[in-house]
C-alpha atoms as a PDB file:
ATOM      1  CA  UNK A   1      -0.584 -11.643  -8.258  1.00  0.00           C
ATOM      2  CA  UNK A   2      -1.802 -12.027  -4.787  1.00  0.00           C
ATOM      3  CA  UNK A   3       0.135  -9.338  -2.770  1.00  0.00           C
ATOM      4  CA  UNK A   4       0.012  -8.799   0.945  1.00  0.00           C
ATOM      5  CA  UNK A   5       1.123  -5.475   2.376  1.00  0.00           C
ATOM      6  CA  UNK A   6       1.702  -5.141   6.231  1.00  0.00           C
ATOM      7  CA  UNK A   7       1.408  -1.477   7.107  1.00  0.00           C
ATOM      8  CA  UNK A   8      -0.900   1.202   5.684  1.00  0.00           C
ATOM      9  CA  UNK A   9       1.211   4.342   6.213  1.00  0.00           C
ATOM     10  CA  UNK A  10       2.150   6.536   3.419  1.00  0.00           C
ATOM     11  CA  UNK A  11       4.402   3.951   1.945  1.00  0.00           C
ATOM     12  CA  UNK A  12       2.111   1.045   2.365  1.00  0.00           C
ATOM     13  CA  UNK A  13      -0.997   2.942   1.134  1.00  0.00           C
ATOM     14  CA  UNK A  14       0.679   4.347  -1.867  1.00  0.00           C
ATOM     15  CA  UNK A  15       2.183   0.919  -2.817  1.00  0.00           C
ATOM     16  CA  UNK A  16      -1.267  -0.836  -2.257  1.00  0.00           C
ATOM     17  CA  UNK A  17      -3.019   1.725  -4.398  1.00  0.00           C
ATOM     18  CA  UNK A  18      -0.480   1.486  -7.264  1.00  0.00           C
ATOM     19  CA  UNK A  19      -0.545  -2.395  -7.362  1.00  0.00           C
ATOM     20  CA  UNK A  20      -4.252  -2.558  -7.002  1.00  0.00           C
ATOM     21  CA  UNK A  21      -4.719  -0.103 -10.023  1.00  0.00           C
ATOM     22  CA  UNK A  22      -2.471  -2.409 -12.116  1.00  0.00           C
ATOM     23  CA  UNK A  23      -4.925  -5.227 -11.433  1.00  0.00           C
ATOM     24  CA  UNK A  24      -3.342  -7.225  -8.664  1.00  0.00           C
ATOM     25  CA  UNK A  25      -5.218  -8.754  -5.806  1.00  0.00           C
ATOM     26  CA  UNK A  26      -3.874  -6.675  -2.815  1.00  0.00           C
ATOM     27  CA  UNK A  27      -4.560  -7.231   0.937  1.00  0.00           C
ATOM     28  CA  UNK A  28      -3.463  -4.681   3.399  1.00  0.00           C
ATOM     29  CA  UNK A  29      -3.039  -5.315   7.055  1.00  0.00           C
ATOM     30  CA  UNK A  30      -2.714  -2.610   9.752  1.00  0.00           C
ATOM     31  CA  UNK A  31      -3.422  -2.523  13.502  1.00  0.00           C
ATOM     32  CA  UNK A  32      -5.082   0.906  13.241  1.00  0.00           C
ATOM     33  CA  UNK A  33      -8.313   0.857  11.206  1.00  0.00           C
ATOM     34  CA  UNK A  34      -8.076   4.518  10.609  1.00  0.00           C
ATOM     35  CA  UNK A  35      -5.080   4.101   8.580  1.00  0.00           C
ATOM     36  CA  UNK A  36      -7.075   2.650   5.747  1.00  0.00           C
ATOM     37  CA  UNK A  37      -8.534   6.065   5.029  1.00  0.00           C
ATOM     38  CA  UNK A  38      -5.149   6.789   3.086  1.00  0.00           C
ATOM     39  CA  UNK A  39      -6.335   4.198   0.451  1.00  0.00           C
ATOM     40  CA  UNK A  40      -9.238   6.449  -0.751  1.00  0.00           C
ATOM     41  CA  UNK A  41     -12.611   5.196  -1.857  1.00  0.00           C
ATOM     42  CA  UNK A  42     -11.379   3.857  -5.113  1.00  0.00           C
ATOM     43  CA  UNK A  43      -9.104   1.109  -3.577  1.00  0.00           C
ATOM     44  CA  UNK A  44     -10.223  -2.181  -5.033  1.00  0.00           C
ATOM     45  CA  UNK A  45      -8.277  -4.432  -2.571  1.00  0.00           C
ATOM     46  CA  UNK A  46      -9.112  -5.845   0.908  1.00  0.00           C
ATOM     47  CA  UNK A  47      -8.186  -4.315   4.383  1.00  0.00           C
ATOM     48  CA  UNK A  48      -7.737  -6.426   7.502  1.00  0.00           C
ATOM     49  CA  UNK A  49      -7.334  -4.982  11.029  1.00  0.00           C
ATOM     50  CA  UNK A  50      -4.550  -7.049  12.515  1.00  0.00           C
ATOM     51  CA  UNK A  51      -0.932  -7.559  13.398  1.00  0.00           C
ATOM     52  CA  UNK A  52       1.728  -7.898  10.617  1.00  0.00           C
ATOM     53  CA  UNK A  53       3.035 -11.131  12.150  1.00  0.00           C
ATOM     54  CA  UNK A  54       0.049 -12.719  13.709  1.00  0.00           C
ATOM     55  CA  UNK A  55      -0.510 -16.090  12.113  1.00  0.00           C
ATOM     56  CA  UNK A  56      -4.213 -16.004  12.169  1.00  0.00           C
ATOM     57  CA  UNK A  57      -4.402 -12.524  10.617  1.00  0.00           C
ATOM     58  CA  UNK A  58      -1.837 -13.626   7.884  1.00  0.00           C
ATOM     59  CA  UNK A  59      -3.862 -16.659   7.157  1.00  0.00           C
ATOM     60  CA  UNK A  60      -6.983 -14.458   6.773  1.00  0.00           C
ATOM     61  CA  UNK A  61      -5.070 -12.304   4.352  1.00  0.00           C
ATOM     62  CA  UNK A  62      -4.293 -15.258   2.208  1.00  0.00           C
ATOM     63  CA  UNK A  63      -0.754 -15.686   2.780  1.00  0.00           C
ATOM     64  CA  UNK A  64      -0.769 -19.189   1.959  1.00  0.00           C
ATOM     65  CA  UNK A  65      -1.393 -18.251  -1.645  1.00  0.00           C
ATOM     66  CA  UNK A  66       0.573 -15.115  -1.618  1.00  0.00           C
ATOM     67  CA  UNK A  67       3.002 -14.371  -4.368  1.00  0.00           C
ATOM     68  CA  UNK A  68       4.597 -11.420  -2.663  1.00  0.00           C
ATOM     69  CA  UNK A  69       4.606 -10.143   0.901  1.00  0.00           C
ATOM     70  CA  UNK A  70       5.748  -6.545   1.704  1.00  0.00           C
ATOM     71  CA  UNK A  71       6.430  -5.516   5.290  1.00  0.00           C
ATOM     72  CA  UNK A  72       6.382  -1.746   5.257  1.00  0.00           C
ATOM     73  CA  UNK A  73       5.331  -0.523   8.687  1.00  0.00           C
ATOM     74  CA  UNK A  74       7.104   2.371  10.473  1.00  0.00           C
ATOM     75  CA  UNK A  75       8.865  -0.074  12.895  1.00  0.00           C
ATOM     76  CA  UNK A  76      12.006  -2.018  11.824  1.00  0.00           C
ATOM     77  CA  UNK A  77      11.443  -4.678  14.337  1.00  0.00           C
ATOM     78  CA  UNK A  78       7.981  -5.377  13.173  1.00  0.00           C
ATOM     79  CA  UNK A  79       8.889  -5.446   9.637  1.00  0.00           C
ATOM     80  CA  UNK A  80      11.742  -8.035  10.062  1.00  0.00           C
ATOM     81  CA  UNK A  81       9.577 -10.127  12.295  1.00  0.00           C
ATOM     82  CA  UNK A  82       6.621 -10.139   9.745  1.00  0.00           C
ATOM     83  CA  UNK A  83       9.042 -10.835   6.941  1.00  0.00           C
ATOM     84  CA  UNK A  84      10.555 -13.755   8.724  1.00  0.00           C
ATOM     85  CA  UNK A  85       7.216 -15.233   9.420  1.00  0.00           C
ATOM     86  CA  UNK A  86       6.074 -14.866   5.968  1.00  0.00           C
ATOM     87  CA  UNK A  87       9.450 -16.416   4.604  1.00  0.00           C
ATOM     88  CA  UNK A  88      10.109 -19.089   7.199  1.00  0.00           C
ATOM     89  CA  UNK A  89       6.754 -20.208   8.239  1.00  0.00           C
ATOM     90  CA  UNK A  90       4.534 -19.720   5.160  1.00  0.00           C
ATOM     91  CA  UNK A  91       7.358 -20.026   2.505  1.00  0.00           C
ATOM     92  CA  UNK A  92       6.317 -16.993   0.426  1.00  0.00           C
ATOM     93  CA  UNK A  93       8.869 -16.775  -2.343  1.00  0.00           C
ATOM     94  CA  UNK A  94       9.066 -12.996  -2.532  1.00  0.00           C
ATOM     95  CA  UNK A  95       9.367 -11.119   0.690  1.00  0.00           C
ATOM     96  CA  UNK A  96      10.325  -7.503   0.775  1.00  0.00           C
ATOM     97  CA  UNK A  97      10.854  -5.569   4.026  1.00  0.00           C
ATOM     98  CA  UNK A  98      11.312  -1.823   4.750  1.00  0.00           C
ATOM     99  CA  UNK A  99      14.139  -0.653   6.850  1.00  0.00           C
ATOM    100  CA  UNK A 100      14.828   2.561   8.460  1.00  0.00           C
ATOM    101  CA  UNK A 101      18.065   2.070  10.127  1.00  0.00           C
ATOM    102  CA  UNK A 102      20.894   1.450   7.377  1.00  0.00           C
ATOM    103  CA  UNK A 103      23.121   0.036  10.136  1.00  0.00           C
ATOM    104  CA  UNK A 104      21.035  -3.036  10.269  1.00  0.00           C
ATOM    105  CA  UNK A 105      20.947  -3.534   6.486  1.00  0.00           C
ATOM    106  CA  UNK A 106      23.805  -6.208   5.903  1.00  0.00           C
ATOM    107  CA  UNK A 107      22.527  -8.166   8.955  1.00  0.00           C
ATOM    108  CA  UNK A 108      19.045  -8.376   7.635  1.00  0.00           C
ATOM    109  CA  UNK A 109      20.115  -9.292   4.223  1.00  0.00           C
ATOM    110  CA  UNK A 110      21.923 -12.386   5.594  1.00  0.00           C
ATOM    111  CA  UNK A 111      18.590 -13.619   6.534  1.00  0.00           C
ATOM    112  CA  UNK A 112      17.639 -13.923   2.812  1.00  0.00           C
ATOM    113  CA  UNK A 113      14.986 -11.312   2.865  1.00  0.00           C
ATOM    114  CA  UNK A 114      15.096  -8.306   0.329  1.00  0.00           C
ATOM    115  CA  UNK A 115      15.528  -5.144   2.346  1.00  0.00           C
ATOM    116  CA  UNK A 116      14.640  -1.671   1.034  1.00  0.00           C
ATOM    117  CA  UNK A 117      16.219   1.164   3.079  1.00  0.00           C
ATOM    118  CA  UNK A 118      14.665   4.443   2.405  1.00  0.00           C
ATOM    119  CA  UNK A 119      17.312   6.328   4.215  1.00  0.00           C
ATOM    120  CA  UNK A 120      20.066   4.921   1.868  1.00  0.00           C
ATOM    121  CA  UNK A 121      18.167   5.419  -1.288  1.00  0.00           C
ATOM    122  CA  UNK A 122      17.156   8.992  -0.380  1.00  0.00           C
ATOM    123  CA  UNK A 123      20.711  10.005   0.706  1.00  0.00           C
ATOM    124  CA  UNK A 124      22.113   8.311  -2.515  1.00  0.00           C
ATOM    125  CA  UNK A 125      19.764  10.105  -4.858  1.00  0.00           C
ATOM    126  CA  UNK A 126      20.486  13.522  -3.197  1.00  0.00           C
ATOM    127  CA  UNK A 127      24.162  12.880  -3.268  1.00  0.00           C
ATOM    128  CA  UNK A 128      24.051  11.961  -6.912  1.00  0.00           C
ATOM    129  CA  UNK A 129      22.181  15.102  -7.721  1.00  0.00           C
ATOM    130  CA  UNK A 130      24.795  17.081  -6.004  1.00  0.00           C
ATOM    131  CA  UNK A 131      27.622  15.379  -7.917  1.00  0.00           C
ATOM    132  CA  UNK A 132      26.055  15.924 -11.269  1.00  0.00           C
ATOM    133  CA  UNK A 133      24.551  19.455 -10.530  1.00  0.00           C
ATOM    134  CA  UNK A 134      24.636  21.512 -13.623  1.00  0.00           C
ATOM    135  CA  UNK A 135      24.891  18.536 -16.084  1.00  0.00           C
ATOM    136  CA  UNK A 136      22.319  16.942 -18.213  1.00  0.00           C
ATOM    137  CA  UNK A 137      22.230  13.681 -16.183  1.00  0.00           C
ATOM    138  CA  UNK A 138      19.165  11.727 -14.839  1.00  0.00           C
ATOM    139  CA  UNK A 139      19.268   9.037 -12.367  1.00  0.00           C
ATOM    140  CA  UNK A 140      16.507   6.711 -12.996  1.00  0.00           C
ATOM    141  CA  UNK A 141      17.212   3.582 -10.994  1.00  0.00           C
ATOM    142  CA  UNK A 142      19.019   3.990  -7.675  1.00  0.00           C
ATOM    143  CA  UNK A 143      19.529   0.367  -6.404  1.00  0.00           C
ATOM    144  CA  UNK A 144      22.248   0.691  -3.552  1.00  0.00           C
ATOM    145  CA  UNK A 145      25.603   0.912  -5.264  1.00  0.00           C
ATOM    146  CA  UNK A 146      24.442   0.019  -8.709  1.00  0.00           C
ATOM    147  CA  UNK A 147      22.446   2.540 -10.932  1.00  0.00           C
ATOM    148  CA  UNK A 148      21.314   3.183 -14.363  1.00  0.00           C
ATOM    149  CA  UNK A 149      22.091   6.620 -15.505  1.00  0.00           C
ATOM    150  CA  UNK A 150      21.273   8.799 -18.597  1.00  0.00           C
ATOM    151  CA  UNK A 151      23.988  11.131 -19.997  1.00  0.00           C
ATOM    152  CA  UNK A 152      24.056  13.384 -23.022  1.00  0.00           C
ATOM    153  CA  UNK A 153      27.460  13.223 -24.627  1.00  0.00           C
ATOM    154  CA  UNK A 154      29.355  16.430 -24.932  1.00  0.00           C
ATOM    155  CA  UNK A 155      31.338  17.787 -27.984  1.00  0.00           C
ATOM    156  CA  UNK A 156      34.680  16.309 -27.008  1.00  0.00           C
ATOM    157  CA  UNK A 157      33.118  12.790 -26.692  1.00  0.00           C
ATOM    158  CA  UNK A 158      32.424  13.027 -30.482  1.00  0.00           C
ATOM    159  CA  UNK A 159      34.160  10.097 -32.258  1.00  0.00           C
ATOM    160  CA  UNK A 160      34.768   8.099 -29.200  1.00  0.00           C
ATOM    161  CA  UNK A 161      34.063   4.308 -29.289  1.00  0.00           C
ATOM    162  CA  UNK A 162      31.422   3.070 -27.098  1.00  0.00           C
ATOM    163  CA  UNK A 163      33.845   0.311 -26.122  1.00  0.00           C
ATOM    164  CA  UNK A 164      35.850   2.994 -24.361  1.00  0.00           C
ATOM    165  CA  UNK A 165      33.029   3.390 -21.920  1.00  0.00           C
ATOM    166  CA  UNK A 166      33.322  -0.265 -20.772  1.00  0.00           C
ATOM    167  CA  UNK A 167      35.142  -1.110 -17.466  1.00  0.00           C
ATOM    168  CA  UNK A 168      34.450  -4.663 -16.322  1.00  0.00           C
ATOM    169  CA  UNK A 169      32.239  -5.002 -13.275  1.00  0.00           C
ATOM    170  CA  UNK A 170      32.115  -1.170 -12.907  1.00  0.00           C
ATOM    171  CA  UNK A 171      30.392   0.415 -15.790  1.00  0.00           C
ATOM    172  CA  UNK A 172      29.182  -0.082 -19.461  1.00  0.00           C
ATOM    173  CA  UNK A 173      26.858   1.527 -21.936  1.00  0.00           C
ATOM    174  CA  UNK A 174      23.664  -0.530 -22.654  1.00  0.00           C
ATOM    175  CA  UNK A 175      21.712   1.636 -25.146  1.00  0.00           C
ATOM    176  CA  UNK A 176      21.660   5.157 -26.694  1.00  0.00           C
ATOM    177  CA  UNK A 177      19.220   7.494 -28.480  1.00  0.00           C
ATOM    178  CA  UNK A 178      20.296   9.302 -31.682  1.00  0.00           C
ATOM    179  CA  UNK A 179      17.971  11.516 -33.799  1.00  0.00           C
ATOM    180  CA  UNK A 180      14.959  10.235 -32.065  1.00  0.00           C
ATOM    181  CA  UNK A 181      15.730   6.527 -32.548  1.00  0.00           C
ATOM    182  CA  UNK A 182      16.918   3.981 -29.891  1.00  0.00           C
ATOM    183  CA  UNK A 183      19.891   1.523 -30.478  1.00  0.00           C
ATOM    184  CA  UNK A 184      22.047  -0.942 -28.714  1.00  0.00           C
ATOM    185  CA  UNK A 185      25.746  -0.147 -29.061  1.00  0.00           C
ATOM    186  CA  UNK A 186      27.784  -2.715 -31.277  1.00  0.00           C
ATOM    187  CA  UNK A 187      31.597  -3.323 -31.424  1.00  0.00           C
ATOM    188  CA  UNK A 188      33.166  -0.651 -33.432  1.00  0.00           C
ATOM    189  CA  UNK A 189      30.464   1.931 -33.125  1.00  0.00           C
ATOM    190  CA  UNK A 190      31.356   5.573 -32.333  1.00  0.00           C
ATOM    191  CA  UNK A 191      29.574   8.222 -30.081  1.00  0.00           C
ATOM    192  CA  UNK A 192      28.258  11.284 -31.646  1.00  0.00           C
ATOM    193  CA  UNK A 193      27.779  14.667 -29.828  1.00  0.00           C
ATOM    194  CA  UNK A 194      24.397  14.837 -28.181  1.00  0.00           C
ATOM    195  CA  UNK A 195      23.774  11.080 -28.131  1.00  0.00           C
ATOM    196  CA  UNK A 196      21.741  10.195 -25.063  1.00  0.00           C
ATOM    197  CA  UNK A 197      23.583   7.252 -23.636  1.00  0.00           C
ATOM    198  CA  UNK A 198      22.091   4.864 -20.988  1.00  0.00           C
ATOM    199  CA  UNK A 199      24.774   3.370 -18.778  1.00  0.00           C
ATOM    200  CA  UNK A 200      24.846   0.878 -15.859  1.00  0.00           C
ATOM    201  CA  UNK A 201      27.414   1.802 -13.254  1.00  0.00           C
ATOM    202  CA  UNK A 202      28.438   1.697  -9.771  1.00  0.00           C
ATOM    203  CA  UNK A 203      27.574   4.916  -8.018  1.00  0.00           C
ATOM    204  CA  UNK A 204      31.239   5.662  -7.227  1.00  0.00           C
ATOM    205  CA  UNK A 205      32.046   5.799 -10.984  1.00  0.00           C
ATOM    206  CA  UNK A 206      29.545   8.506 -11.989  1.00  0.00           C
ATOM    207  CA  UNK A 207      31.987  11.305 -11.918  1.00  0.00           C
ATOM    208  CA  UNK A 208      34.448   9.222 -13.979  1.00  0.00           C
ATOM    209  CA  UNK A 209      31.788   8.645 -16.656  1.00  0.00           C
ATOM    210  CA  UNK A 210      30.881  12.276 -16.805  1.00  0.00           C
ATOM    211  CA  UNK A 211      34.570  13.124 -17.327  1.00  0.00           C
ATOM    212  CA  UNK A 212      34.976  10.479 -20.160  1.00  0.00           C
ATOM    213  CA  UNK A 213      31.995  11.860 -21.873  1.00  0.00           C
ATOM    214  CA  UNK A 214      33.466  15.409 -21.637  1.00  0.00           C
ATOM    215  CA  UNK A 215      30.488  16.912 -19.797  1.00  0.00           C
ATOM    216  CA  UNK A 216      32.391  17.711 -16.522  1.00  0.00           C
END
């Protein structure tokens, strides 16, 4: 894919390096040429000193053929302006913008641009670790109010049906590991103690799931 990243701070440089290492064509734009030092000597992409929403700079970066545009500077206003230019003027299909202020999240989402708010993700991750402190639960995909969690069933969950872990639009099991093998739950199948269960759930239901699996 041809990916343009606006901003070469810690987030932008890390993202650029990861994507470049995976073989994607990556172009990084930043107003400060010194910021490109964060990319290291092994970076295989292209760097452009320029403005994240300047039309000429974006054209030089190849935005007309871009598959993805990521606006990850340290300024919310710059990110949203750059994202809008990429989306509205150049018609990039996938536009992702970094957001610091969570109060603006819903407003920007209405513009049809994918917003990633590090403040919300970090706070949610920390909060979930507090909730599950002392229990064998790993949060592997924080995505706002919906997550995938991994839980090891306790002794009192022995014999419970996987179907008992389904609550429509709230949470459900999607896979489990038993004796080193992975399975997808089927109707009528029962849980065994120490099964590692992968579940998709709304964040607010995590404590309820832990209780049902008898580990809280």
